[in-house]
Amino acid sequence: MHDDPELTGRGWLASYPHPVVGRIDQIGLLFDLSETPGAVQGPPLMVGEHTREIMRSLGYTDADISQACEDGYVSAWGKGEVQKDFKSPWAVETLEKK
């Protein structure tokens, strides 16, 4: 189904290069609205993909961001980096300490 040129041509399917898994196929636009046409804007976001940019825009320094990543409180990664686990503020062991 994902290789059907007619479905892709109608915008019902979309394919993107994914930094981890390679090609990813997903559902595109299944209907059209005449006054507000939609658009598939790109591949799904990945956890940590834009963390550094967002934190910088909020006033954090690169040192603050690196420390938060090292401590495991945020996940941030870029091309060529490996995703790391991060500490959830809702984890049982975190809540028990409070």
PDB file of N, CA and C in Angstrom:
ATOM      1  N   MET A   1       0.816  -1.187   0.000  1.00  0.00           N
ATOM      2  CA  MET A   1       0.000   0.000   0.000  1.00  0.00           C
ATOM      3  C   MET A   1       0.870   1.265   0.000  1.00  0.00           C
ATOM      4  N   HIS A   2       1.955   1.264   0.779  1.00  0.00           N
ATOM      5  CA  HIS A   2       2.764   2.474   0.909  1.00  0.00           C
ATOM      6  C   HIS A   2       3.598   2.779  -0.332  1.00  0.00           C
ATOM      7  N   ASP A   3       3.656   1.859  -1.267  1.00  0.00           N
ATOM      8  CA  ASP A   3       4.388   2.112  -2.508  1.00  0.00           C
ATOM      9  C   ASP A   3       3.457   2.395  -3.681  1.00  0.00           C
ATOM     10  N   ASP A   4       2.173   2.547  -3.413  1.00  0.00           N
ATOM     11  CA  ASP A   4       1.193   2.801  -4.471  1.00  0.00           C
ATOM     12  C   ASP A   4       1.329   4.243  -4.951  1.00  0.00           C
ATOM     13  N   PRO A   5       1.711   4.476  -6.205  1.00  0.00           N
ATOM     14  CA  PRO A   5       1.926   5.845  -6.699  1.00  0.00           C
ATOM     15  C   PRO A   5       0.648   6.691  -6.692  1.00  0.00           C
ATOM     16  N   GLU A   6      -0.507   6.071  -6.892  1.00  0.00           N
ATOM     17  CA  GLU A   6      -1.757   6.835  -6.879  1.00  0.00           C
ATOM     18  C   GLU A   6      -2.052   7.379  -5.481  1.00  0.00           C
ATOM     19  N   LEU A   7      -1.894   6.554  -4.454  1.00  0.00           N
ATOM     20  CA  LEU A   7      -2.150   7.007  -3.081  1.00  0.00           C
ATOM     21  C   LEU A   7      -1.150   8.075  -2.658  1.00  0.00           C
ATOM     22  N   THR A   8       0.089   7.905  -3.048  1.00  0.00           N
ATOM     23  CA  THR A   8       1.108   8.899  -2.734  1.00  0.00           C
ATOM     24  C   THR A   8       0.825  10.195  -3.494  1.00  0.00           C
ATOM     25  N   GLY A   9       0.445  10.087  -4.763  1.00  0.00           N
ATOM     26  CA  GLY A   9       0.142  11.260  -5.577  1.00  0.00           C
ATOM     27  C   GLY A   9      -1.031  12.062  -5.052  1.00  0.00           C
ATOM     28  N   ARG A  10      -1.992  11.388  -4.446  1.00  0.00           N
ATOM     29  CA  ARG A  10      -3.146  12.092  -3.856  1.00  0.00           C
ATOM     30  C   ARG A  10      -2.821  12.693  -2.491  1.00  0.00           C
ATOM     31  N   GLY A  11      -1.649  12.387  -1.966  1.00  0.00           N
ATOM     32  CA  GLY A  11      -1.261  12.912  -0.660  1.00  0.00           C
ATOM     33  C   GLY A  11      -1.781  12.079   0.494  1.00  0.00           C
ATOM     34  N   TRP A  12      -2.281  10.892   0.214  1.00  0.00           N
ATOM     35  CA  TRP A  12      -2.837  10.039   1.258  1.00  0.00           C
ATOM     36  C   TRP A  12      -1.753   9.300   2.026  1.00  0.00           C
ATOM     37  N   LEU A  13      -0.569   9.230   1.478  1.00  0.00           N
ATOM     38  CA  LEU A  13       0.571   8.592   2.121  1.00  0.00           C
ATOM     39  C   LEU A  13       1.768   9.519   2.039  1.00  0.00           C
ATOM     40  N   ALA A  14       2.638   9.416   3.000  1.00  0.00           N
ATOM     41  CA  ALA A  14       3.851  10.225   2.997  1.00  0.00           C
ATOM     42  C   ALA A  14       5.014   9.358   3.481  1.00  0.00           C
ATOM     43  N   SER A  15       6.184   9.575   2.940  1.00  0.00           N
ATOM     44  CA  SER A  15       7.399   8.861   3.345  1.00  0.00           C
ATOM     45  C   SER A  15       8.495   9.875   3.632  1.00  0.00           C
ATOM     46  N   TYR A  16       9.302   9.582   4.647  1.00  0.00           N
ATOM     47  CA  TYR A  16      10.377  10.481   5.041  1.00  0.00           C
ATOM     48  C   TYR A  16      11.610   9.676   5.419  1.00  0.00           C
ATOM     49  N   PRO A  17      12.790  10.254   5.253  1.00  0.00           N
ATOM     50  CA  PRO A  17      13.985   9.613   5.808  1.00  0.00           C
ATOM     51  C   PRO A  17      13.996   9.856   7.319  1.00  0.00           C
ATOM     52  N   HIS A  18      14.221   8.834   8.102  1.00  0.00           N
ATOM     53  CA  HIS A  18      14.238   8.927   9.558  1.00  0.00           C
ATOM     54  C   HIS A  18      15.666   8.719  10.031  1.00  0.00           C
ATOM     55  N   PRO A  19      16.147   9.520  10.994  1.00  0.00           N
ATOM     56  CA  PRO A  19      17.555   9.424  11.389  1.00  0.00           C
ATOM     57  C   PRO A  19      17.941   8.109  12.066  1.00  0.00           C
ATOM     58  N   VAL A  20      16.978   7.349  12.552  1.00  0.00           N
ATOM     59  CA  VAL A  20      17.290   6.115  13.262  1.00  0.00           C
ATOM     60  C   VAL A  20      16.874   4.876  12.482  1.00  0.00           C
ATOM     61  N   VAL A  21      15.653   4.874  11.937  1.00  0.00           N
ATOM     62  CA  VAL A  21      15.124   3.657  11.309  1.00  0.00           C
ATOM     63  C   VAL A  21      15.177   3.665   9.791  1.00  0.00           C
ATOM     64  N   GLY A  22      15.635   4.731   9.187  1.00  0.00           N
ATOM     65  CA  GLY A  22      15.649   4.807   7.723  1.00  0.00           C
ATOM     66  C   GLY A  22      14.337   5.385   7.205  1.00  0.00           C
ATOM     67  N   ARG A  23      13.801   4.797   6.157  1.00  0.00           N
ATOM     68  CA  ARG A  23      12.550   5.303   5.578  1.00  0.00           C
ATOM     69  C   ARG A  23      11.384   4.979   6.512  1.00  0.00           C
ATOM     70  N   ILE A  24      10.544   5.985   6.731  1.00  0.00           N
ATOM     71  CA  ILE A  24       9.339   5.795   7.535  1.00  0.00           C
ATOM     72  C   ILE A  24       8.140   6.216   6.706  1.00  0.00           C
ATOM     73  N   ASP A  25       7.131   5.379   6.679  1.00  0.00           N
ATOM     74  CA  ASP A  25       5.894   5.659   5.949  1.00  0.00           C
ATOM     75  C   ASP A  25       4.809   6.001   6.959  1.00  0.00           C
ATOM     76  N   GLN A  26       3.964   6.953   6.603  1.00  0.00           N
ATOM     77  CA  GLN A  26       2.856   7.310   7.475  1.00  0.00           C
ATOM     78  C   GLN A  26       1.664   7.761   6.651  1.00  0.00           C
ATOM     79  N   ILE A  27       0.533   7.819   7.303  1.00  0.00           N
ATOM     80  CA  ILE A  27      -0.690   8.289   6.659  1.00  0.00           C
ATOM     81  C   ILE A  27      -0.527   9.780   6.361  1.00  0.00           C
ATOM     82  N   GLY A  28      -0.946  10.196   5.205  1.00  0.00           N
ATOM     83  CA  GLY A  28      -0.883  11.607   4.825  1.00  0.00           C
ATOM     84  C   GLY A  28      -2.209  12.288   5.105  1.00  0.00           C
ATOM     85  N   LEU A  29      -2.683  13.066   4.162  1.00  0.00           N
ATOM     86  CA  LEU A  29      -3.959  13.764   4.292  1.00  0.00           C
ATOM     87  C   LEU A  29      -5.049  12.918   3.652  1.00  0.00           C
ATOM     88  N   LEU A  30      -6.042  12.561   4.437  1.00  0.00           N
ATOM     89  CA  LEU A  30      -7.091  11.681   3.930  1.00  0.00           C
ATOM     90  C   LEU A  30      -8.298  12.436   3.384  1.00  0.00           C
ATOM     91  N   PHE A  31      -8.334  13.756   3.558  1.00  0.00           N
ATOM     92  CA  PHE A  31      -9.427  14.555   3.017  1.00  0.00           C
ATOM     93  C   PHE A  31      -8.914  15.967   2.745  1.00  0.00           C
ATOM     94  N   ASP A  32      -9.619  16.698   1.920  1.00  0.00           N
ATOM     95  CA  ASP A  32      -9.255  18.072   1.572  1.00  0.00           C
ATOM     96  C   ASP A  32     -10.330  19.028   2.054  1.00  0.00           C
ATOM     97  N   LEU A  33      -9.926  20.152   2.575  1.00  0.00           N
ATOM     98  CA  LEU A  33     -10.843  21.221   2.954  1.00  0.00           C
ATOM     99  C   LEU A  33     -10.584  22.389   2.010  1.00  0.00           C
ATOM    100  N   SER A  34     -11.614  22.879   1.368  1.00  0.00           N
ATOM    101  CA  SER A  34     -11.422  23.900   0.341  1.00  0.00           C
ATOM    102  C   SER A  34     -10.929  25.226   0.913  1.00  0.00           C
ATOM    103  N   GLU A  35     -11.382  25.603   2.069  1.00  0.00           N
ATOM    104  CA  GLU A  35     -10.999  26.899   2.634  1.00  0.00           C
ATOM    105  C   GLU A  35      -9.694  26.842   3.437  1.00  0.00           C
ATOM    106  N   THR A  36      -9.380  25.693   3.969  1.00  0.00           N
ATOM    107  CA  THR A  36      -8.170  25.551   4.787  1.00  0.00           C
ATOM    108  C   THR A  36      -7.419  24.294   4.375  1.00  0.00           C
ATOM    109  N   PRO A  37      -6.700  24.347   3.262  1.00  0.00           N
ATOM    110  CA  PRO A  37      -5.984  23.160   2.816  1.00  0.00           C
ATOM    111  C   PRO A  37      -4.892  22.754   3.813  1.00  0.00           C
ATOM    112  N   GLY A  38      -4.750  21.476   4.014  1.00  0.00           N
ATOM    113  CA  GLY A  38      -3.751  20.971   4.941  1.00  0.00           C
ATOM    114  C   GLY A  38      -2.461  20.615   4.223  1.00  0.00           C
ATOM    115  N   ALA A  39      -1.474  20.282   5.000  1.00  0.00           N
ATOM    116  CA  ALA A  39      -0.188  19.863   4.454  1.00  0.00           C
ATOM    117  C   ALA A  39       0.499  18.953   5.463  1.00  0.00           C
ATOM    118  N   VAL A  40       1.134  17.926   4.972  1.00  0.00           N
ATOM    119  CA  VAL A  40       1.970  17.101   5.821  1.00  0.00           C
ATOM    120  C   VAL A  40       3.277  17.862   5.972  1.00  0.00           C
ATOM    121  N   GLN A  41       3.640  18.177   7.210  1.00  0.00           N
ATOM    122  CA  GLN A  41       4.754  19.095   7.441  1.00  0.00           C
ATOM    123  C   GLN A  41       6.104  18.423   7.599  1.00  0.00           C
ATOM    124  N   GLY A  42       6.125  17.133   7.729  1.00  0.00           N
ATOM    125  CA  GLY A  42       7.410  16.452   7.878  1.00  0.00           C
ATOM    126  C   GLY A  42       7.273  15.212   8.733  1.00  0.00           C
ATOM    127  N   PRO A  43       8.381  14.559   8.984  1.00  0.00           N
ATOM    128  CA  PRO A  43       8.347  13.325   9.762  1.00  0.00           C
ATOM    129  C   PRO A  43       7.980  13.593  11.219  1.00  0.00           C
ATOM    130  N   PRO A  44       7.580  12.559  11.938  1.00  0.00           N
ATOM    131  CA  PRO A  44       7.263  12.732  13.356  1.00  0.00           C
ATOM    132  C   PRO A  44       8.491  13.213  14.125  1.00  0.00           C
ATOM    133  N   LEU A  45       8.242  13.966  15.161  1.00  0.00           N
ATOM    134  CA  LEU A  45       9.330  14.451  15.996  1.00  0.00           C
ATOM    135  C   LEU A  45       9.838  13.326  16.883  1.00  0.00           C
ATOM    136  N   MET A  46      11.088  13.424  17.288  1.00  0.00           N
ATOM    137  CA  MET A  46      11.668  12.439  18.198  1.00  0.00           C
ATOM    138  C   MET A  46      12.009  13.123  19.510  1.00  0.00           C
ATOM    139  N   VAL A  47      11.846  12.403  20.597  1.00  0.00           N
ATOM    140  CA  VAL A  47      12.144  12.951  21.914  1.00  0.00           C
ATOM    141  C   VAL A  47      13.592  13.423  21.950  1.00  0.00           C
ATOM    142  N   GLY A  48      13.783  14.662  22.335  1.00  0.00           N
ATOM    143  CA  GLY A  48      15.122  15.219  22.469  1.00  0.00           C
ATOM    144  C   GLY A  48      15.696  15.853  21.222  1.00  0.00           C
ATOM    145  N   GLU A  49      14.979  15.748  20.128  1.00  0.00           N
ATOM    146  CA  GLU A  49      15.508  16.232  18.853  1.00  0.00           C
ATOM    147  C   GLU A  49      15.744  17.747  18.844  1.00  0.00           C
ATOM    148  N   HIS A  50      14.870  18.507  19.505  1.00  0.00           N
ATOM    149  CA  HIS A  50      14.968  19.969  19.497  1.00  0.00           C
ATOM    150  C   HIS A  50      15.200  20.559  20.887  1.00  0.00           C
ATOM    151  N   THR A  51      15.609  19.714  21.826  1.00  0.00           N
ATOM    152  CA  THR A  51      15.770  20.165  23.212  1.00  0.00           C
ATOM    153  C   THR A  51      16.741  21.328  23.331  1.00  0.00           C
ATOM    154  N   ARG A  52      17.892  21.218  22.710  1.00  0.00           N
ATOM    155  CA  ARG A  52      18.902  22.280  22.845  1.00  0.00           C
ATOM    156  C   ARG A  52      18.379  23.622  22.322  1.00  0.00           C
ATOM    157  N   GLU A  53      17.746  23.604  21.151  1.00  0.00           N
ATOM    158  CA  GLU A  53      17.231  24.851  20.575  1.00  0.00           C
ATOM    159  C   GLU A  53      16.151  25.466  21.465  1.00  0.00           C
ATOM    160  N   ILE A  54      15.259  24.623  21.984  1.00  0.00           N
ATOM    161  CA  ILE A  54      14.173  25.126  22.836  1.00  0.00           C
ATOM    162  C   ILE A  54      14.740  25.699  24.129  1.00  0.00           C
ATOM    163  N   MET A  55      15.659  24.969  24.759  1.00  0.00           N
ATOM    164  CA  MET A  55      16.226  25.449  26.021  1.00  0.00           C
ATOM    165  C   MET A  55      17.028  26.728  25.825  1.00  0.00           C
ATOM    166  N   ARG A  56      17.761  26.842  24.707  1.00  0.00           N
ATOM    167  CA  ARG A  56      18.488  28.088  24.427  1.00  0.00           C
ATOM    168  C   ARG A  56      17.513  29.255  24.287  1.00  0.00           C
ATOM    169  N   SER A  57      16.374  28.998  23.617  1.00  0.00           N
ATOM    170  CA  SER A  57      15.392  30.079  23.424  1.00  0.00           C
ATOM    171  C   SER A  57      14.763  30.507  24.748  1.00  0.00           C
ATOM    172  N   LEU A  58      14.836  29.640  25.765  1.00  0.00           N
ATOM    173  CA  LEU A  58      14.311  29.965  27.096  1.00  0.00           C
ATOM    174  C   LEU A  58      15.367  30.576  28.005  1.00  0.00           C
ATOM    175  N   GLY A  59      16.584  30.767  27.478  1.00  0.00           N
ATOM    176  CA  GLY A  59      17.631  31.443  28.222  1.00  0.00           C
ATOM    177  C   GLY A  59      18.645  30.540  28.889  1.00  0.00           C
ATOM    178  N   TYR A  60      18.568  29.231  28.708  1.00  0.00           N
ATOM    179  CA  TYR A  60      19.560  28.325  29.292  1.00  0.00           C
ATOM    180  C   TYR A  60      20.860  28.400  28.501  1.00  0.00           C
ATOM    181  N   THR A  61      21.958  28.292  29.207  1.00  0.00           N
ATOM    182  CA  THR A  61      23.263  28.289  28.551  1.00  0.00           C
ATOM    183  C   THR A  61      23.582  26.874  28.081  1.00  0.00           C
ATOM    184  N   ASP A  62      24.573  26.764  27.207  1.00  0.00           N
ATOM    185  CA  ASP A  62      24.996  25.433  26.755  1.00  0.00           C
ATOM    186  C   ASP A  62      25.490  24.592  27.929  1.00  0.00           C
ATOM    187  N   ALA A  63      26.136  25.233  28.903  1.00  0.00           N
ATOM    188  CA  ALA A  63      26.609  24.510  30.090  1.00  0.00           C
ATOM    189  C   ALA A  63      25.428  23.971  30.902  1.00  0.00           C
ATOM    190  N   ASP A  64      24.366  24.794  31.062  1.00  0.00           N
ATOM    191  CA  ASP A  64      23.163  24.345  31.779  1.00  0.00           C
ATOM    192  C   ASP A  64      22.527  23.148  31.076  1.00  0.00           C
ATOM    193  N   ILE A  65      22.449  23.237  29.768  1.00  0.00           N
ATOM    194  CA  ILE A  65      21.825  22.170  28.981  1.00  0.00           C
ATOM    195  C   ILE A  65      22.648  20.889  29.077  1.00  0.00           C
ATOM    196  N   SER A  66      23.966  21.015  28.944  1.00  0.00           N
ATOM    197  CA  SER A  66      24.842  19.843  29.043  1.00  0.00           C
ATOM    198  C   SER A  66      24.731  19.187  30.416  1.00  0.00           C
ATOM    199  N   GLN A  67      24.659  20.008  31.473  1.00  0.00           N
ATOM    200  CA  GLN A  67      24.543  19.464  32.828  1.00  0.00           C
ATOM    201  C   GLN A  67      23.202  18.751  33.007  1.00  0.00           C
ATOM    202  N   ALA A  68      22.122  19.332  32.503  1.00  0.00           N
ATOM    203  CA  ALA A  68      20.801  18.698  32.601  1.00  0.00           C
ATOM    204  C   ALA A  68      20.772  17.374  31.844  1.00  0.00           C
ATOM    205  N   CYS A  69      21.454  17.320  30.707  1.00  0.00           N
ATOM    206  CA  CYS A  69      21.546  16.070  29.936  1.00  0.00           C
ATOM    207  C   CYS A  69      22.375  15.038  30.693  1.00  0.00           C
ATOM    208  N   GLU A  70      23.501  15.486  31.235  1.00  0.00           N
ATOM    209  CA  GLU A  70      24.390  14.579  31.962  1.00  0.00           C
ATOM    210  C   GLU A  70      23.690  14.013  33.196  1.00  0.00           C
ATOM    211  N   ASP A  71      22.908  14.859  33.873  1.00  0.00           N
ATOM    212  CA  ASP A  71      22.174  14.415  35.061  1.00  0.00           C
ATOM    213  C   ASP A  71      20.969  13.547  34.699  1.00  0.00           C
ATOM    214  N   GLY A  72      20.616  13.536  33.424  1.00  0.00           N
ATOM    215  CA  GLY A  72      19.517  12.691  32.969  1.00  0.00           C
ATOM    216  C   GLY A  72      18.136  13.298  33.138  1.00  0.00           C
ATOM    217  N   TYR A  73      18.052  14.630  33.299  1.00  0.00           N
ATOM    218  CA  TYR A  73      16.758  15.267  33.483  1.00  0.00           C
ATOM    219  C   TYR A  73      16.106  15.706  32.180  1.00  0.00           C
ATOM    220  N   VAL A  74      16.873  15.821  31.139  1.00  0.00           N
ATOM    221  CA  VAL A  74      16.325  16.101  29.813  1.00  0.00           C
ATOM    222  C   VAL A  74      17.029  15.187  28.824  1.00  0.00           C
ATOM    223  N   SER A  75      16.389  15.004  27.717  1.00  0.00           N
ATOM    224  CA  SER A  75      16.985  14.214  26.649  1.00  0.00           C
ATOM    225  C   SER A  75      17.260  15.153  25.492  1.00  0.00           C
ATOM    226  N   ALA A  76      18.479  15.164  25.039  1.00  0.00           N
ATOM    227  CA  ALA A  76      18.852  15.999  23.905  1.00  0.00           C
ATOM    228  C   ALA A  76      19.837  15.212  23.058  1.00  0.00           C
ATOM    229  N   TRP A  77      19.631  15.250  21.774  1.00  0.00           N
ATOM    230  CA  TRP A  77      20.549  14.565  20.883  1.00  0.00           C
ATOM    231  C   TRP A  77      20.483  15.219  19.528  1.00  0.00           C
ATOM    232  N   GLY A  78      21.538  15.051  18.800  1.00  0.00           N
ATOM    233  CA  GLY A  78      21.620  15.587  17.458  1.00  0.00           C
ATOM    234  C   GLY A  78      22.106  14.518  16.509  1.00  0.00           C
ATOM    235  N   LYS A  79      22.291  14.892  15.287  1.00  0.00           N
ATOM    236  CA  LYS A  79      22.738  13.943  14.271  1.00  0.00           C
ATOM    237  C   LYS A  79      24.065  13.312  14.691  1.00  0.00           C
ATOM    238  N   GLY A  80      24.119  12.005  14.633  1.00  0.00           N
ATOM    239  CA  GLY A  80      25.318  11.285  15.004  1.00  0.00           C
ATOM    240  C   GLY A  80      25.409  10.940  16.484  1.00  0.00           C
ATOM    241  N   GLU A  81      24.508  11.486  17.317  1.00  0.00           N
ATOM    242  CA  GLU A  81      24.505  11.173  18.735  1.00  0.00           C
ATOM    243  C   GLU A  81      23.515  10.039  19.017  1.00  0.00           C
ATOM    244  N   VAL A  82      23.724   9.354  20.101  1.00  0.00           N
ATOM    245  CA  VAL A  82      22.834   8.276  20.520  1.00  0.00           C
ATOM    246  C   VAL A  82      21.881   8.815  21.577  1.00  0.00           C
ATOM    247  N   GLN A  83      20.605   8.444  21.479  1.00  0.00           N
ATOM    248  CA  GLN A  83      19.646   8.849  22.501  1.00  0.00           C
ATOM    249  C   GLN A  83      19.978   8.159  23.807  1.00  0.00           C
ATOM    250  N   LYS A  84      19.819   8.876  24.912  1.00  0.00           N
ATOM    251  CA  LYS A  84      20.069   8.329  26.236  1.00  0.00           C
ATOM    252  C   LYS A  84      18.758   8.325  27.028  1.00  0.00           C
ATOM    253  N   ASP A  85      18.695   7.453  28.031  1.00  0.00           N
ATOM    254  CA  ASP A  85      17.535   7.448  28.921  1.00  0.00           C
ATOM    255  C   ASP A  85      17.552   8.722  29.749  1.00  0.00           C
ATOM    256  N   PHE A  86      16.366   9.192  30.142  1.00  0.00           N
ATOM    257  CA  PHE A  86      16.310  10.345  31.015  1.00  0.00           C
ATOM    258  C   PHE A  86      15.426  10.034  32.207  1.00  0.00           C
ATOM    259  N   LYS A  87      15.623  10.797  33.291  1.00  0.00           N
ATOM    260  CA  LYS A  87      14.904  10.568  34.530  1.00  0.00           C
ATOM    261  C   LYS A  87      13.548  11.252  34.456  1.00  0.00           C
ATOM    262  N   SER A  88      12.500  10.499  34.705  1.00  0.00           N
ATOM    263  CA  SER A  88      11.157  11.066  34.719  1.00  0.00           C
ATOM    264  C   SER A  88      10.865  11.659  36.098  1.00  0.00           C
ATOM    265  N   PRO A  89      10.323  12.878  36.164  1.00  0.00           N
ATOM    266  CA  PRO A  89       9.973  13.455  37.462  1.00  0.00           C
ATOM    267  C   PRO A  89       8.818  12.700  38.121  1.00  0.00           C
ATOM    268  N   TRP A  90       8.163  11.843  37.368  1.00  0.00           N
ATOM    269  CA  TRP A  90       7.033  11.079  37.898  1.00  0.00           C
ATOM    270  C   TRP A  90       7.408   9.664  38.282  1.00  0.00           C
ATOM    271  N   ALA A  91       8.677   9.324  38.174  1.00  0.00           N
ATOM    272  CA  ALA A  91       9.126   7.974  38.518  1.00  0.00           C
ATOM    273  C   ALA A  91       8.923   7.738  40.013  1.00  0.00           C
ATOM    274  N   VAL A  92       8.611   6.528  40.392  1.00  0.00           N
ATOM    275  CA  VAL A  92       8.309   6.185  41.779  1.00  0.00           C
ATOM    276  C   VAL A  92       9.456   6.556  42.707  1.00  0.00           C
ATOM    277  N   GLU A  93      10.695   6.220  42.315  1.00  0.00           N
ATOM    278  CA  GLU A  93      11.828   6.507  43.212  1.00  0.00           C
ATOM    279  C   GLU A  93      12.022   8.009  43.399  1.00  0.00           C
ATOM    280  N   THR A  94      11.662   8.827  42.410  1.00  0.00           N
ATOM    281  CA  THR A  94      11.768  10.284  42.547  1.00  0.00           C
ATOM    282  C   THR A  94      10.710  10.799  43.498  1.00  0.00           C
ATOM    283  N   LEU A  95       9.495  10.305  43.395  1.00  0.00           N
ATOM    284  CA  LEU A  95       8.396  10.752  44.247  1.00  0.00           C
ATOM    285  C   LEU A  95       8.603  10.328  45.692  1.00  0.00           C
ATOM    286  N   GLU A  96       9.210   9.174  45.917  1.00  0.00           N
ATOM    287  CA  GLU A  96       9.436   8.690  47.270  1.00  0.00           C
ATOM    288  C   GLU A  96      10.425   9.562  48.030  1.00  0.00           C
ATOM    289  N   LYS A  97      11.336  10.230  47.325  1.00  0.00           N
ATOM    290  CA  LYS A  97      12.339  11.082  47.966  1.00  0.00           C
ATOM    291  C   LYS A  97      11.759  12.383  48.480  1.00  0.00           C
ATOM    292  N   LYS A  98      10.600  12.790  47.969  1.00  0.00           N
ATOM    293  CA  LYS A  98      10.017  14.091  48.339  1.00  0.00           C
ATOM    294  C   LYS A  98       9.312  14.040  49.663  1.00  0.00           C
TER     295      LYS A  98
END
